[in-house]
Amino acid sequence: LWDIGYAKTWEEATLLLDDLYAARPPIEDFLEWRDERVLEECHWYGWFIDYWMEGGLMRDMFTHKITTPEHWNMLMVPTAWTVDELR
């Protein structure tokens, strides 16, 4: 994502496609991402695996409780909502 400026849309990413894999990010950027996000990313991947292992059971990614279709749809567009709004 660093390569394409952390684009949030397909259009943004497409504009920066030539930058993909053109350079390595500074190690400081990686360390900052790692320290801020890696545990959150692991948690998210675990939730994603649970979803498929449970046959598509809609669970809240924060509480792991079964959720409503409306809340599930909010979870599927994470850049549209803050973490507090999703909880």
Protein backbone atom coordinates (compact mmCIF):
# COMPACT_ATOMS: atom_id res chain seq x y z
CA LEU A 1 0.00 0.00 0.00
CA TRP A 2 2.92 2.34 0.60
CA ASP A 3 3.72 2.24 -3.12
CA ILE A 4 0.32 3.60 -4.10
CA GLY A 5 0.00 6.16 -1.32
CA TYR A 6 -2.39 4.01 0.74
CA ALA A 7 -5.08 4.45 -1.94
CA LYS A 8 -8.62 3.83 -0.75
CA THR A 9 -10.29 3.49 -4.14
CA TRP A 10 -9.59 1.60 -7.33
CA GLU A 11 -9.29 4.89 -9.22
CA GLU A 12 -6.65 6.26 -6.84
CA ALA A 13 -4.68 3.02 -7.01
CA THR A 14 -4.82 2.93 -10.80
CA LEU A 15 -3.34 6.43 -11.06
CA LEU A 16 -0.31 5.30 -9.05
CA LEU A 17 0.09 1.89 -10.68
CA ASP A 18 3.48 2.80 -12.16
CA ASP A 19 4.80 3.38 -8.63
CA LEU A 20 4.00 -0.19 -7.58
CA TYR A 21 7.19 -2.04 -6.57
CA ALA A 22 9.31 0.83 -7.92
CA ALA A 23 11.02 1.47 -4.57
CA ARG A 24 11.14 0.15 -1.06
CA PRO A 25 9.56 2.19 1.70
CA PRO A 26 11.89 3.65 4.29
CA ILE A 27 12.46 1.21 7.16
CA GLU A 28 11.06 3.82 9.55
CA ASP A 29 7.70 3.70 7.72
CA PHE A 30 7.60 -0.08 7.98
CA LEU A 31 8.47 -0.04 11.67
CA GLU A 32 5.79 2.56 12.34
CA TRP A 33 3.19 0.46 10.47
CA ARG A 34 4.31 -2.67 12.26
CA ASP A 35 4.10 -1.11 15.69
CA GLU A 36 0.69 0.47 15.05
CA ARG A 37 -1.09 -2.13 12.93
CA VAL A 38 0.36 -5.63 12.94
CA LEU A 39 -1.68 -6.97 15.88
CA GLU A 40 -4.82 -5.40 14.44
CA GLU A 41 -4.09 -7.02 11.06
CA CYS A 42 -3.56 -10.44 12.71
CA HIS A 43 -6.87 -10.06 14.53
CA TRP A 44 -8.62 -9.14 11.28
CA TYR A 45 -7.18 -12.13 9.42
CA GLY A 46 -8.30 -14.42 12.26
CA TRP A 47 -11.81 -13.01 11.98
CA PHE A 48 -11.74 -13.53 8.21
CA ILE A 49 -10.63 -17.16 8.60
CA ASP A 50 -13.36 -17.75 11.21
CA TYR A 51 -15.94 -16.36 8.78
CA TRP A 52 -15.05 -18.97 6.16
CA MET A 53 -14.54 -21.81 8.62
CA GLU A 54 -18.00 -21.14 10.11
CA GLY A 55 -19.70 -21.23 6.70
CA GLY A 56 -20.17 -17.47 6.36
CA LEU A 57 -21.59 -16.80 9.83
CA MET A 58 -21.82 -13.02 10.24
CA ARG A 59 -19.92 -12.07 13.37
CA ASP A 60 -18.83 -8.66 14.58
CA MET A 61 -15.07 -8.35 14.06
CA PHE A 62 -14.54 -6.68 17.44
CA THR A 63 -16.77 -8.70 19.76
CA HIS A 64 -17.15 -11.92 17.72
CA LYS A 65 -20.87 -11.87 18.55
CA ILE A 66 -23.35 -12.71 15.79
CA THR A 67 -24.40 -9.48 14.10
CA THR A 68 -27.20 -8.10 11.93
CA PRO A 69 -27.01 -7.82 8.14
CA GLU A 70 -27.00 -4.01 8.45
CA HIS A 71 -24.02 -4.01 10.80
CA TRP A 72 -22.28 -6.64 8.66
CA ASN A 73 -22.60 -4.37 5.61
CA MET A 74 -20.96 -1.56 7.59
CA LEU A 75 -18.08 -3.89 8.48
CA MET A 76 -17.57 -4.71 4.80
CA VAL A 77 -16.80 -1.05 3.97
CA PRO A 78 -14.23 -0.27 6.67
CA THR A 79 -12.97 2.99 5.16
CA ALA A 80 -16.46 4.53 5.33
CA TRP A 81 -16.71 4.21 9.13
CA THR A 82 -14.49 4.86 12.12
CA VAL A 83 -13.70 2.02 14.51
CA ASP A 84 -15.91 3.68 17.13
CA GLU A 85 -18.84 3.81 14.69
CA LEU A 86 -18.42 0.11 13.90
CA ARG A 87 -18.37 -0.97 17.54
